[in-house]
Amino acid sequence: MPNQTNSRKKMFRFAPKHRSLAEVLSDHELAALGDAYVNLIWSLYLSIKKGKPVGKKASSTMLASALRKARLRGSLPSRTDRHKQADAAEALIAYAWLNSVISLEEAVLLMEKGRTPEEAFSMLLQSILERLNLT
């Protein structure tokens, strides 16, 4: 059986390797991919809660609130609006998944521990931040 890490690296060779948290949070291409990935995480989380398949989009308001709760707001420029804050959260989550920092399953399991959607995403962002070696 081929080494999964090597085949994953080959598959996702387009994944950026950033040196700083600010670079990740401001990566618009990662945010675009992260939008779809975060919606999948959110839909799986809701499906587990409701006991049936659900397809929903994660709101910018919820993601921006989670970013602030995770104390990541200070890593963005001062005039960053709610939409761009949500983009930053999406970029970070996608970056972590692409670079094998956290799996889809683990992300959903972590979120299940939150009492509110904002707390759930905040816990996910905090866990990712703790695992990344970015300044």
Protein backbone atom coordinates (compact mmCIF):
# COMPACT_ATOMS: atom_id res chain seq x y z
CA MET A 1 0.00 0.00 0.00
CA PRO A 2 1.52 3.37 -0.97
CA ASN A 3 2.45 5.83 1.75
CA GLN A 4 -0.63 8.02 2.31
CA THR A 5 1.44 11.03 3.33
CA ASN A 6 3.42 10.99 0.08
CA SER A 7 0.37 10.45 -2.11
CA ARG A 8 -1.44 13.24 -0.25
CA LYS A 9 1.52 15.59 -0.79
CA LYS A 10 1.50 14.75 -4.49
CA MET A 11 -2.23 15.26 -4.78
CA PHE A 12 -2.18 18.57 -2.94
CA ARG A 13 1.14 19.90 -4.25
CA PHE A 14 -0.68 23.16 -4.99
CA ALA A 15 -1.14 23.69 -1.23
CA PRO A 16 0.82 26.75 -0.11
CA LYS A 17 3.45 26.55 2.62
CA HIS A 18 3.19 29.81 4.49
CA ARG A 19 5.67 30.95 7.11
CA SER A 20 3.36 33.18 9.11
CA LEU A 21 -0.17 33.15 10.41
CA ALA A 22 -0.80 36.50 8.71
CA GLU A 23 0.07 34.96 5.33
CA VAL A 24 -2.43 32.15 5.85
CA LEU A 25 -5.21 34.43 7.07
CA SER A 26 -4.81 36.77 4.10
CA ASP A 27 -4.62 34.07 1.39
CA HIS A 28 -7.69 34.71 -0.79
CA GLU A 29 -7.27 31.52 -2.82
CA LEU A 30 -7.19 29.43 0.36
CA ALA A 31 -10.27 31.28 1.58
CA ALA A 32 -12.13 30.37 -1.63
CA LEU A 33 -11.31 26.68 -1.20
CA GLY A 34 -11.93 26.97 2.54
CA ASP A 35 -15.43 28.30 1.88
CA ALA A 36 -16.47 24.99 0.32
CA TYR A 37 -14.57 22.91 2.89
CA VAL A 38 -16.01 24.81 5.87
CA ASN A 39 -19.52 24.39 4.43
CA LEU A 40 -18.92 20.63 4.30
CA ILE A 41 -17.74 20.60 7.94
CA TRP A 42 -20.74 22.71 8.96
CA SER A 43 -23.17 20.46 7.05
CA LEU A 44 -21.72 17.31 8.62
CA TYR A 45 -21.90 18.90 12.08
CA LEU A 46 -25.56 19.80 11.52
CA SER A 47 -26.31 16.36 10.07
CA ILE A 48 -24.99 14.71 13.23
CA LYS A 49 -26.98 17.10 15.45
CA LYS A 50 -30.22 16.56 13.50
CA GLY A 51 -29.74 12.87 12.77
CA LYS A 52 -30.30 13.30 9.03
CA PRO A 53 -28.35 14.69 6.06
CA VAL A 54 -28.26 18.50 5.99
CA GLY A 55 -26.57 20.82 3.48
CA LYS A 56 -26.04 24.35 4.78
CA LYS A 57 -23.62 27.22 4.33
CA ALA A 58 -21.70 28.56 7.30
CA SER A 59 -22.53 32.25 7.73
CA SER A 60 -19.90 34.96 7.66
CA THR A 61 -21.30 36.34 10.91
CA MET A 62 -20.84 33.02 12.68
CA LEU A 63 -17.31 32.50 11.34
CA ALA A 64 -16.24 36.07 12.16
CA SER A 65 -17.56 35.63 15.69
CA ALA A 66 -15.66 32.34 16.03
CA LEU A 67 -12.48 34.02 14.78
CA ARG A 68 -12.84 36.69 17.47
CA LYS A 69 -13.58 34.10 20.18
CA ALA A 70 -10.44 32.22 19.12
CA ARG A 71 -8.49 35.47 19.65
CA LEU A 72 -7.35 35.60 16.04
CA ARG A 73 -8.87 39.01 15.26
CA GLY A 74 -5.66 40.75 16.33
CA SER A 75 -3.78 38.95 13.56
CA LEU A 76 -5.77 40.86 10.93
CA PRO A 77 -5.59 44.53 9.92
CA SER A 78 -7.74 46.80 12.09
CA ARG A 79 -10.32 47.69 9.41
CA THR A 80 -11.01 44.11 8.33
CA ASP A 81 -14.76 43.67 7.85
CA ARG A 82 -16.82 40.68 8.96
CA HIS A 83 -16.72 39.06 5.53
CA LYS A 84 -12.91 39.20 5.38
CA GLN A 85 -12.73 37.86 8.95
CA ALA A 86 -14.83 34.89 7.84
CA ASP A 87 -12.53 34.46 4.82
CA ALA A 88 -9.55 34.36 7.19
CA ALA A 89 -11.18 31.61 9.28
CA GLU A 90 -11.93 29.63 6.11
CA ALA A 91 -8.36 30.05 4.88
CA LEU A 92 -6.91 28.79 8.17
CA ILE A 93 -9.19 25.74 8.29
CA ALA A 94 -8.42 24.84 4.65
CA TYR A 95 -4.67 25.35 5.21
CA ALA A 96 -4.75 23.01 8.21
CA TRP A 97 -6.60 20.30 6.29
CA LEU A 98 -4.45 20.56 3.16
CA ASN A 99 -1.30 20.28 5.27
CA SER A 100 -2.60 17.29 7.28
CA VAL A 101 -2.84 19.26 10.52
CA ILE A 102 -6.43 18.13 11.09
CA SER A 103 -8.71 15.67 9.31
CA LEU A 104 -12.28 16.26 8.27
CA GLU A 105 -13.50 13.74 10.83
CA GLU A 106 -11.48 15.30 13.64
CA ALA A 107 -12.74 18.78 12.74
CA VAL A 108 -16.36 17.62 13.01
CA LEU A 109 -15.69 15.75 16.28
CA LEU A 110 -14.03 18.83 17.79
CA MET A 111 -16.97 20.99 16.83
CA GLU A 112 -19.43 18.64 18.51
CA LYS A 113 -17.97 19.76 21.85
CA GLY A 114 -19.13 23.35 21.37
CA ARG A 115 -22.36 24.58 22.97
CA THR A 116 -23.01 27.07 20.18
CA PRO A 117 -21.97 27.12 16.51
CA GLU A 118 -19.61 30.04 17.21
CA GLU A 119 -18.01 28.18 20.11
CA ALA A 120 -17.73 25.04 17.96
CA PHE A 121 -15.86 26.86 15.18
CA SER A 122 -13.81 28.75 17.75
CA MET A 123 -12.67 25.47 19.29
CA LEU A 124 -11.72 24.20 15.84
CA LEU A 125 -9.71 27.36 15.08
CA GLN A 126 -7.95 27.25 18.46
CA SER A 127 -7.02 23.60 18.00
CA ILE A 128 -5.60 24.32 14.55
CA LEU A 129 -3.64 27.30 15.83
CA GLU A 130 -2.09 25.21 18.62
CA ARG A 131 -0.91 22.60 16.12
CA LEU A 132 0.52 24.93 13.49
CA ASN A 133 4.09 26.13 13.73
CA LEU A 134 3.38 29.62 12.47
CA THR A 135 4.28 32.94 14.05
